């Protein structure tokens, strides 16, 4: 379990319960990332957004709208951090 956050059990459960459903995980990771961001846990948020993007890039065509959405979400997170 990821230490130090009330969201850690949710993150662990997401990986376990949807292990065979990567696109479901890709839908849930951004929601978890948003929750991390709202708690001020920006590194954990970025990890969730990157994970969603990686799953979608692996599972979908590069031009699929969900890949573009993940890129947009990650870009906005990085811009907010100044990266």
PDB file of N, CA and C in Angstrom:
ATOM      1  N   UNK A   1       0.845  -1.183   0.000  1.00  0.00           N
ATOM      2  CA  UNK A   1       0.000   0.000   0.000  1.00  0.00           C
ATOM      3  C   UNK A   1       0.884   1.238   0.000  1.00  0.00           C
ATOM      4  N   UNK A   2       0.433   2.270  -0.670  1.00  0.00           N
ATOM      5  CA  UNK A   2       1.156   3.530  -0.696  1.00  0.00           C
ATOM      6  C   UNK A   2       0.968   4.224   0.641  1.00  0.00           C
ATOM      7  N   UNK A   3       2.054   4.574   1.252  1.00  0.00           N
ATOM      8  CA  UNK A   3       1.994   5.160   2.593  1.00  0.00           C
ATOM      9  C   UNK A   3       1.581   6.615   2.545  1.00  0.00           C
ATOM     10  N   UNK A   4       0.955   7.061   3.620  1.00  0.00           N
ATOM     11  CA  UNK A   4       0.761   8.482   3.822  1.00  0.00           C
ATOM     12  C   UNK A   4      -0.465   9.117   3.208  1.00  0.00           C
ATOM     13  N   UNK A   5      -1.420   8.349   2.751  1.00  0.00           N
ATOM     14  CA  UNK A   5      -2.584   8.981   2.142  1.00  0.00           C
ATOM     15  C   UNK A   5      -3.813   8.102   2.293  1.00  0.00           C
ATOM     16  N   UNK A   6      -4.928   8.744   2.555  1.00  0.00           N
ATOM     17  CA  UNK A   6      -6.183   8.010   2.675  1.00  0.00           C
ATOM     18  C   UNK A   6      -6.610   7.396   1.346  1.00  0.00           C
ATOM     19  N   UNK A   7      -6.053   7.875   0.240  1.00  0.00           N
ATOM     20  CA  UNK A   7      -6.406   7.342  -1.074  1.00  0.00           C
ATOM     21  C   UNK A   7      -5.617   6.089  -1.439  1.00  0.00           C
ATOM     22  N   UNK A   8      -4.608   5.762  -0.660  1.00  0.00           N
ATOM     23  CA  UNK A   8      -3.772   4.602  -0.975  1.00  0.00           C
ATOM     24  C   UNK A   8      -4.585   3.321  -1.117  1.00  0.00           C
ATOM     25  N   UNK A   9      -5.527   3.037  -0.220  1.00  0.00           N
ATOM     26  CA  UNK A   9      -6.315   1.808  -0.400  1.00  0.00           C
ATOM     27  C   UNK A   9      -7.119   1.808  -1.709  1.00  0.00           C
ATOM     28  N   UNK A  10      -7.617   2.975  -2.101  1.00  0.00           N
ATOM     29  CA  UNK A  10      -8.360   3.059  -3.355  1.00  0.00           C
ATOM     30  C   UNK A  10      -7.443   2.790  -4.548  1.00  0.00           C
ATOM     31  N   UNK A  11      -6.251   3.335  -4.510  1.00  0.00           N
ATOM     32  CA  UNK A  11      -5.289   3.114  -5.593  1.00  0.00           C
ATOM     33  C   UNK A  11      -4.917   1.639  -5.689  1.00  0.00           C
ATOM     34  N   UNK A  12      -4.697   1.013  -4.547  1.00  0.00           N
ATOM     35  CA  UNK A  12      -4.363  -0.413  -4.542  1.00  0.00           C
ATOM     36  C   UNK A  12      -5.537  -1.256  -5.036  1.00  0.00           C
ATOM     37  N   UNK A  13      -6.736  -0.929  -4.581  1.00  0.00           N
ATOM     38  CA  UNK A  13      -7.924  -1.672  -4.995  1.00  0.00           C
ATOM     39  C   UNK A  13      -8.169  -1.539  -6.489  1.00  0.00           C
ATOM     40  N   UNK A  14      -7.934  -0.367  -7.025  1.00  0.00           N
ATOM     41  CA  UNK A  14      -8.103  -0.133  -8.452  1.00  0.00           C
ATOM     42  C   UNK A  14      -7.243  -1.114  -9.248  1.00  0.00           C
ATOM     43  N   UNK A  15      -5.997  -1.237  -8.863  1.00  0.00           N
ATOM     44  CA  UNK A  15      -5.078  -2.129  -9.571  1.00  0.00           C
ATOM     45  C   UNK A  15      -5.479  -3.598  -9.422  1.00  0.00           C
ATOM     46  N   UNK A  16      -5.926  -3.968  -8.246  1.00  0.00           N
ATOM     47  CA  UNK A  16      -6.282  -5.361  -7.980  1.00  0.00           C
ATOM     48  C   UNK A  16      -7.623  -5.736  -8.617  1.00  0.00           C
ATOM     49  N   UNK A  17      -8.640  -4.932  -8.390  1.00  0.00           N
ATOM     50  CA  UNK A  17      -9.983  -5.285  -8.835  1.00  0.00           C
ATOM     51  C   UNK A  17     -10.158  -5.193 -10.344  1.00  0.00           C
ATOM     52  N   UNK A  18      -9.364  -4.364 -10.989  1.00  0.00           N
ATOM     53  CA  UNK A  18      -9.501  -4.188 -12.431  1.00  0.00           C
ATOM     54  C   UNK A  18      -8.235  -4.600 -13.172  1.00  0.00           C
ATOM     55  N   UNK A  19      -7.517  -5.552 -12.610  1.00  0.00           N
ATOM     56  CA  UNK A  19      -6.251  -5.997 -13.200  1.00  0.00           C
ATOM     57  C   UNK A  19      -6.420  -6.460 -14.648  1.00  0.00           C
ATOM     58  N   UNK A  20      -7.529  -7.098 -14.952  1.00  0.00           N
ATOM     59  CA  UNK A  20      -7.765  -7.626 -16.298  1.00  0.00           C
ATOM     60  C   UNK A  20      -8.577  -6.659 -17.167  1.00  0.00           C
ATOM     61  N   UNK A  21      -8.803  -5.446 -16.668  1.00  0.00           N
ATOM     62  CA  UNK A  21      -9.592  -4.463 -17.412  1.00  0.00           C
ATOM     63  C   UNK A  21      -8.819  -3.144 -17.503  1.00  0.00           C
ATOM     64  N   UNK A  22      -7.796  -3.110 -18.331  1.00  0.00           N
ATOM     65  CA  UNK A  22      -6.944  -1.918 -18.383  1.00  0.00           C
ATOM     66  C   UNK A  22      -7.679  -0.634 -18.757  1.00  0.00           C
ATOM     67  N   UNK A  23      -8.665  -0.716 -19.638  1.00  0.00           N
ATOM     68  CA  UNK A  23      -9.350   0.512 -20.028  1.00  0.00           C
ATOM     69  C   UNK A  23     -10.257   1.042 -18.919  1.00  0.00           C
ATOM     70  N   UNK A  24     -10.738   0.167 -18.073  1.00  0.00           N
ATOM     71  CA  UNK A  24     -11.480   0.620 -16.897  1.00  0.00           C
ATOM     72  C   UNK A  24     -10.521   1.336 -15.955  1.00  0.00           C
ATOM     73  N   UNK A  25      -9.337   0.747 -15.752  1.00  0.00           N
ATOM     74  CA  UNK A  25      -8.325   1.406 -14.916  1.00  0.00           C
ATOM     75  C   UNK A  25      -7.967   2.772 -15.498  1.00  0.00           C
ATOM     76  N   UNK A  26      -7.845   2.845 -16.814  1.00  0.00           N
ATOM     77  CA  UNK A  26      -7.489   4.113 -17.465  1.00  0.00           C
ATOM     78  C   UNK A  26      -8.564   5.176 -17.258  1.00  0.00           C
ATOM     79  N   UNK A  27      -9.805   4.773 -17.063  1.00  0.00           N
ATOM     80  CA  UNK A  27     -10.871   5.730 -16.769  1.00  0.00           C
ATOM     81  C   UNK A  27     -10.831   6.174 -15.313  1.00  0.00           C
ATOM     82  N   UNK A  28     -10.408   5.299 -14.427  1.00  0.00           N
ATOM     83  CA  UNK A  28     -10.442   5.592 -12.997  1.00  0.00           C
ATOM     84  C   UNK A  28      -9.200   6.330 -12.499  1.00  0.00           C
ATOM     85  N   UNK A  29      -8.066   6.097 -13.128  1.00  0.00           N
ATOM     86  CA  UNK A  29      -6.832   6.764 -12.688  1.00  0.00           C
ATOM     87  C   UNK A  29      -6.938   8.291 -12.684  1.00  0.00           C
ATOM     88  N   UNK A  30      -7.510   8.928 -13.709  1.00  0.00           N
ATOM     89  CA  UNK A  30      -7.620  10.393 -13.666  1.00  0.00           C
ATOM     90  C   UNK A  30      -8.484  10.907 -12.506  1.00  0.00           C
ATOM     91  N   UNK A  31      -9.540  10.187 -12.185  1.00  0.00           N
ATOM     92  CA  UNK A  31     -10.373  10.602 -11.048  1.00  0.00           C
ATOM     93  C   UNK A  31      -9.573  10.535  -9.759  1.00  0.00           C
ATOM     94  N   UNK A  32      -8.799   9.488  -9.623  1.00  0.00           N
ATOM     95  CA  UNK A  32      -7.935   9.351  -8.453  1.00  0.00           C
ATOM     96  C   UNK A  32      -6.872  10.441  -8.460  1.00  0.00           C
ATOM     97  N   UNK A  33      -6.325  10.736  -9.637  1.00  0.00           N
ATOM     98  CA  UNK A  33      -5.337  11.808  -9.757  1.00  0.00           C
ATOM     99  C   UNK A  33      -5.899  13.154  -9.343  1.00  0.00           C
ATOM    100  N   UNK A  34      -7.127  13.419  -9.730  1.00  0.00           N
ATOM    101  CA  UNK A  34      -7.769  14.675  -9.339  1.00  0.00           C
ATOM    102  C   UNK A  34      -7.920  14.754  -7.822  1.00  0.00           C
ATOM    103  N   UNK A  35      -8.274  13.640  -7.213  1.00  0.00           N
ATOM    104  CA  UNK A  35      -8.405  13.617  -5.744  1.00  0.00           C
ATOM    105  C   UNK A  35      -7.060  13.863  -5.074  1.00  0.00           C
ATOM    106  N   UNK A  36      -6.007  13.236  -5.603  1.00  0.00           N
ATOM    107  CA  UNK A  36      -4.663  13.479  -5.059  1.00  0.00           C
ATOM    108  C   UNK A  36      -4.307  14.962  -5.181  1.00  0.00           C
ATOM    109  N   UNK A  37      -4.589  15.556  -6.373  1.00  0.00           N
ATOM    110  CA  UNK A  37      -4.264  16.958  -6.586  1.00  0.00           C
ATOM    111  C   UNK A  37      -4.997  17.840  -5.583  1.00  0.00           C
ATOM    112  N   UNK A  38      -6.265  17.556  -5.347  1.00  0.00           N
ATOM    113  CA  UNK A  38      -7.048  18.357  -4.408  1.00  0.00           C
ATOM    114  C   UNK A  38      -6.510  18.260  -2.982  1.00  0.00           C
ATOM    115  N   UNK A  39      -5.808  17.168  -2.687  1.00  0.00           N
ATOM    116  CA  UNK A  39      -5.170  17.021  -1.376  1.00  0.00           C
ATOM    117  C   UNK A  39      -3.774  17.635  -1.350  1.00  0.00           C
ATOM    118  N   UNK A  40      -3.343  18.197  -2.479  1.00  0.00           N
ATOM    119  CA  UNK A  40      -2.014  18.798  -2.559  1.00  0.00           C
ATOM    120  C   UNK A  40      -0.906  17.795  -2.799  1.00  0.00           C
ATOM    121  N   UNK A  41      -1.264  16.579  -3.198  1.00  0.00           N
ATOM    122  CA  UNK A  41      -0.283  15.529  -3.456  1.00  0.00           C
ATOM    123  C   UNK A  41      -0.018  15.458  -4.960  1.00  0.00           C
ATOM    124  N   UNK A  42       0.740  16.455  -5.430  1.00  0.00           N
ATOM    125  CA  UNK A  42       0.900  16.661  -6.859  1.00  0.00           C
ATOM    126  C   UNK A  42       1.692  15.558  -7.558  1.00  0.00           C
ATOM    127  N   UNK A  43       2.683  15.010  -6.911  1.00  0.00           N
ATOM    128  CA  UNK A  43       3.451  13.925  -7.506  1.00  0.00           C
ATOM    129  C   UNK A  43       2.575  12.687  -7.691  1.00  0.00           C
ATOM    130  N   UNK A  44       1.777  12.379  -6.685  1.00  0.00           N
ATOM    131  CA  UNK A  44       0.872  11.232  -6.781  1.00  0.00           C
ATOM    132  C   UNK A  44      -0.175  11.471  -7.863  1.00  0.00           C
ATOM    133  N   UNK A  45      -0.648  12.699  -7.980  1.00  0.00           N
ATOM    134  CA  UNK A  45      -1.620  13.035  -9.024  1.00  0.00           C
ATOM    135  C   UNK A  45      -1.009  12.810 -10.401  1.00  0.00           C
ATOM    136  N   UNK A  46       0.196  13.327 -10.589  1.00  0.00           N
ATOM    137  CA  UNK A  46       0.870  13.162 -11.879  1.00  0.00           C
ATOM    138  C   UNK A  46       1.048  11.687 -12.218  1.00  0.00           C
ATOM    139  N   UNK A  47       1.389  10.889 -11.232  1.00  0.00           N
ATOM    140  CA  UNK A  47       1.554   9.448 -11.449  1.00  0.00           C
ATOM    141  C   UNK A  47       0.260   8.830 -11.969  1.00  0.00           C
ATOM    142  N   UNK A  48      -0.859   9.216 -11.387  1.00  0.00           N
ATOM    143  CA  UNK A  48      -2.147   8.673 -11.822  1.00  0.00           C
ATOM    144  C   UNK A  48      -2.463   9.091 -13.262  1.00  0.00           C
ATOM    145  N   UNK A  49      -2.193  10.344 -13.589  1.00  0.00           N
ATOM    146  CA  UNK A  49      -2.455  10.821 -14.950  1.00  0.00           C
ATOM    147  C   UNK A  49      -1.536  10.132 -15.959  1.00  0.00           C
ATOM    148  N   UNK A  50      -0.277   9.948 -15.587  1.00  0.00           N
ATOM    149  CA  UNK A  50       0.671   9.249 -16.478  1.00  0.00           C
ATOM    150  C   UNK A  50       0.269   7.791 -16.679  1.00  0.00           C
ATOM    151  N   UNK A  51      -0.191   7.155 -15.614  1.00  0.00           N
ATOM    152  CA  UNK A  51      -0.597   5.760 -15.719  1.00  0.00           C
ATOM    153  C   UNK A  51      -1.768   5.609 -16.681  1.00  0.00           C
ATOM    154  N   UNK A  52      -2.750   6.497 -16.578  1.00  0.00           N
ATOM    155  CA  UNK A  52      -3.885   6.452 -17.501  1.00  0.00           C
ATOM    156  C   UNK A  52      -3.413   6.611 -18.944  1.00  0.00           C
ATOM    157  N   UNK A  53      -2.517   7.560 -19.171  1.00  0.00           N
ATOM    158  CA  UNK A  53      -1.986   7.781 -20.516  1.00  0.00           C
ATOM    159  C   UNK A  53      -1.250   6.545 -21.024  1.00  0.00           C
ATOM    160  N   UNK A  54      -0.397   5.973 -20.202  1.00  0.00           N
ATOM    161  CA  UNK A  54       0.368   4.789 -20.613  1.00  0.00           C
ATOM    162  C   UNK A  54      -0.547   3.629 -20.974  1.00  0.00           C
ATOM    163  N   UNK A  55      -1.577   3.412 -20.184  1.00  0.00           N
ATOM    164  CA  UNK A  55      -2.525   2.330 -20.478  1.00  0.00           C
ATOM    165  C   UNK A  55      -3.211   2.588 -21.805  1.00  0.00           C
ATOM    166  N   UNK A  56      -3.699   3.797 -21.984  1.00  0.00           N
ATOM    167  CA  UNK A  56      -4.424   4.115 -23.218  1.00  0.00           C
ATOM    168  C   UNK A  56      -3.518   4.046 -24.440  1.00  0.00           C
ATOM    169  N   UNK A  57      -2.277   4.472 -24.307  1.00  0.00           N
ATOM    170  CA  UNK A  57      -1.351   4.377 -25.436  1.00  0.00           C
ATOM    171  C   UNK A  57      -1.066   2.920 -25.790  1.00  0.00           C
ATOM    172  N   UNK A  58      -1.036   2.082 -24.800  1.00  0.00           N
ATOM    173  CA  UNK A  58      -0.774   0.660 -25.023  1.00  0.00           C
ATOM    174  C   UNK A  58      -2.000  -0.054 -25.601  1.00  0.00           C
ATOM    175  N   UNK A  59      -3.193   0.328 -25.168  1.00  0.00           N
ATOM    176  CA  UNK A  59      -4.410  -0.398 -25.515  1.00  0.00           C
ATOM    177  C   UNK A  59      -5.177   0.158 -26.715  1.00  0.00           C
ATOM    178  N   UNK A  60      -4.963   1.427 -27.024  1.00  0.00           N
ATOM    179  CA  UNK A  60      -5.753   2.091 -28.065  1.00  0.00           C
ATOM    180  C   UNK A  60      -4.870   2.619 -29.186  1.00  0.00           C
ATOM    181  N   UNK A  61      -5.497   2.937 -30.286  1.00  0.00           N
ATOM    182  CA  UNK A  61      -4.821   3.582 -31.397  1.00  0.00           C
ATOM    183  C   UNK A  61      -4.292   4.939 -30.940  1.00  0.00           C
ATOM    184  N   UNK A  62      -3.143   5.326 -31.433  1.00  0.00           N
ATOM    185  CA  UNK A  62      -2.507   6.576 -31.005  1.00  0.00           C
ATOM    186  C   UNK A  62      -3.394   7.799 -31.219  1.00  0.00           C
ATOM    187  N   UNK A  63      -4.322   7.739 -32.164  1.00  0.00           N
ATOM    188  CA  UNK A  63      -5.170   8.886 -32.446  1.00  0.00           C
ATOM    189  C   UNK A  63      -6.556   8.776 -31.808  1.00  0.00           C
ATOM    190  N   UNK A  64      -6.725   7.808 -30.945  1.00  0.00           N
ATOM    191  CA  UNK A  64      -8.011   7.643 -30.257  1.00  0.00           C
ATOM    192  C   UNK A  64      -8.262   8.844 -29.344  1.00  0.00           C
ATOM    193  N   UNK A  65      -9.512   9.274 -29.250  1.00  0.00           N
ATOM    194  CA  UNK A  65      -9.836  10.461 -28.456  1.00  0.00           C
ATOM    195  C   UNK A  65      -9.487  10.297 -26.977  1.00  0.00           C
ATOM    196  N   UNK A  66      -9.508   9.080 -26.446  1.00  0.00           N
ATOM    197  CA  UNK A  66      -9.144   8.882 -25.039  1.00  0.00           C
ATOM    198  C   UNK A  66      -7.646   9.076 -24.805  1.00  0.00           C
ATOM    199  N   UNK A  67      -6.835   8.757 -25.812  1.00  0.00           N
ATOM    200  CA  UNK A  67      -5.396   9.035 -25.711  1.00  0.00           C
ATOM    201  C   UNK A  67      -5.187  10.547 -25.693  1.00  0.00           C
ATOM    202  N   UNK A  68      -5.882  11.238 -26.573  1.00  0.00           N
ATOM    203  CA  UNK A  68      -5.783  12.708 -26.614  1.00  0.00           C
ATOM    204  C   UNK A  68      -6.246  13.323 -25.300  1.00  0.00           C
ATOM    205  N   UNK A  69      -7.308  12.793 -24.725  1.00  0.00           N
ATOM    206  CA  UNK A  69      -7.806  13.303 -23.448  1.00  0.00           C
ATOM    207  C   UNK A  69      -6.764  13.121 -22.349  1.00  0.00           C
ATOM    208  N   UNK A  70      -6.141  11.952 -22.308  1.00  0.00           N
ATOM    209  CA  UNK A  70      -5.103  11.711 -21.301  1.00  0.00           C
ATOM    210  C   UNK A  70      -3.915  12.645 -21.487  1.00  0.00           C
ATOM    211  N   UNK A  71      -3.535  12.888 -22.735  1.00  0.00           N
ATOM    212  CA  UNK A  71      -2.447  13.828 -23.012  1.00  0.00           C
ATOM    213  C   UNK A  71      -2.816  15.227 -22.530  1.00  0.00           C
ATOM    214  N   UNK A  72      -4.046  15.623 -22.771  1.00  0.00           N
ATOM    215  CA  UNK A  72      -4.516  16.942 -22.361  1.00  0.00           C
ATOM    216  C   UNK A  72      -4.508  17.074 -20.840  1.00  0.00           C
ATOM    217  N   UNK A  73      -4.989  16.067 -20.147  1.00  0.00           N
ATOM    218  CA  UNK A  73      -5.031  16.100 -18.680  1.00  0.00           C
ATOM    219  C   UNK A  73      -3.618  16.169 -18.107  1.00  0.00           C
ATOM    220  N   UNK A  74      -2.716  15.339 -18.635  1.00  0.00           N
ATOM    221  CA  UNK A  74      -1.341  15.347 -18.150  1.00  0.00           C
ATOM    222  C   UNK A  74      -0.666  16.678 -18.465  1.00  0.00           C
ATOM    223  N   UNK A  75      -0.880  17.199 -19.669  1.00  0.00           N
ATOM    224  CA  UNK A  75      -0.283  18.488 -20.039  1.00  0.00           C
ATOM    225  C   UNK A  75      -0.765  19.599 -19.116  1.00  0.00           C
ATOM    226  N   UNK A  76      -2.035  19.606 -18.789  1.00  0.00           N
ATOM    227  CA  UNK A  76      -2.566  20.631 -17.886  1.00  0.00           C
ATOM    228  C   UNK A  76      -1.948  20.500 -16.496  1.00  0.00           C
ATOM    229  N   UNK A  77      -1.773  19.289 -16.043  1.00  0.00           N
ATOM    230  CA  UNK A  77      -1.142  19.069 -14.724  1.00  0.00           C
ATOM    231  C   UNK A  77       0.299  19.577 -14.734  1.00  0.00           C
ATOM    232  N   UNK A  78       1.038  19.241 -15.780  1.00  0.00           N
ATOM    233  CA  UNK A  78       2.434  19.667 -15.862  1.00  0.00           C
ATOM    234  C   UNK A  78       2.537  21.182 -16.016  1.00  0.00           C
ATOM    235  N   UNK A  79       1.638  21.783 -16.788  1.00  0.00           N
ATOM    236  CA  UNK A  79       1.648  23.248 -16.955  1.00  0.00           C
ATOM    237  C   UNK A  79       1.377  23.941 -15.621  1.00  0.00           C
ATOM    238  N   UNK A  80       0.458  23.381 -14.861  1.00  0.00           N
ATOM    239  CA  UNK A  80       0.136  23.967 -13.561  1.00  0.00           C
ATOM    240  C   UNK A  80       1.348  23.934 -12.626  1.00  0.00           C
ATOM    241  N   UNK A  81       2.171  22.892 -12.774  1.00  0.00           N
ATOM    242  CA  UNK A  81       3.384  22.777 -11.977  1.00  0.00           C
ATOM    243  C   UNK A  81       4.523  23.619 -12.534  1.00  0.00           C
ATOM    244  N   UNK A  82       4.347  24.114 -13.760  1.00  0.00           N
ATOM    245  CA  UNK A  82       5.406  24.887 -14.391  1.00  0.00           C
ATOM    246  C   UNK A  82       6.390  24.043 -15.163  1.00  0.00           C
ATOM    247  N   UNK A  83       6.034  22.800 -15.442  1.00  0.00           N
ATOM    248  CA  UNK A  83       6.904  21.890 -16.214  1.00  0.00           C
ATOM    249  C   UNK A  83       6.555  21.926 -17.691  1.00  0.00           C
TER     250      UNK A  83
END
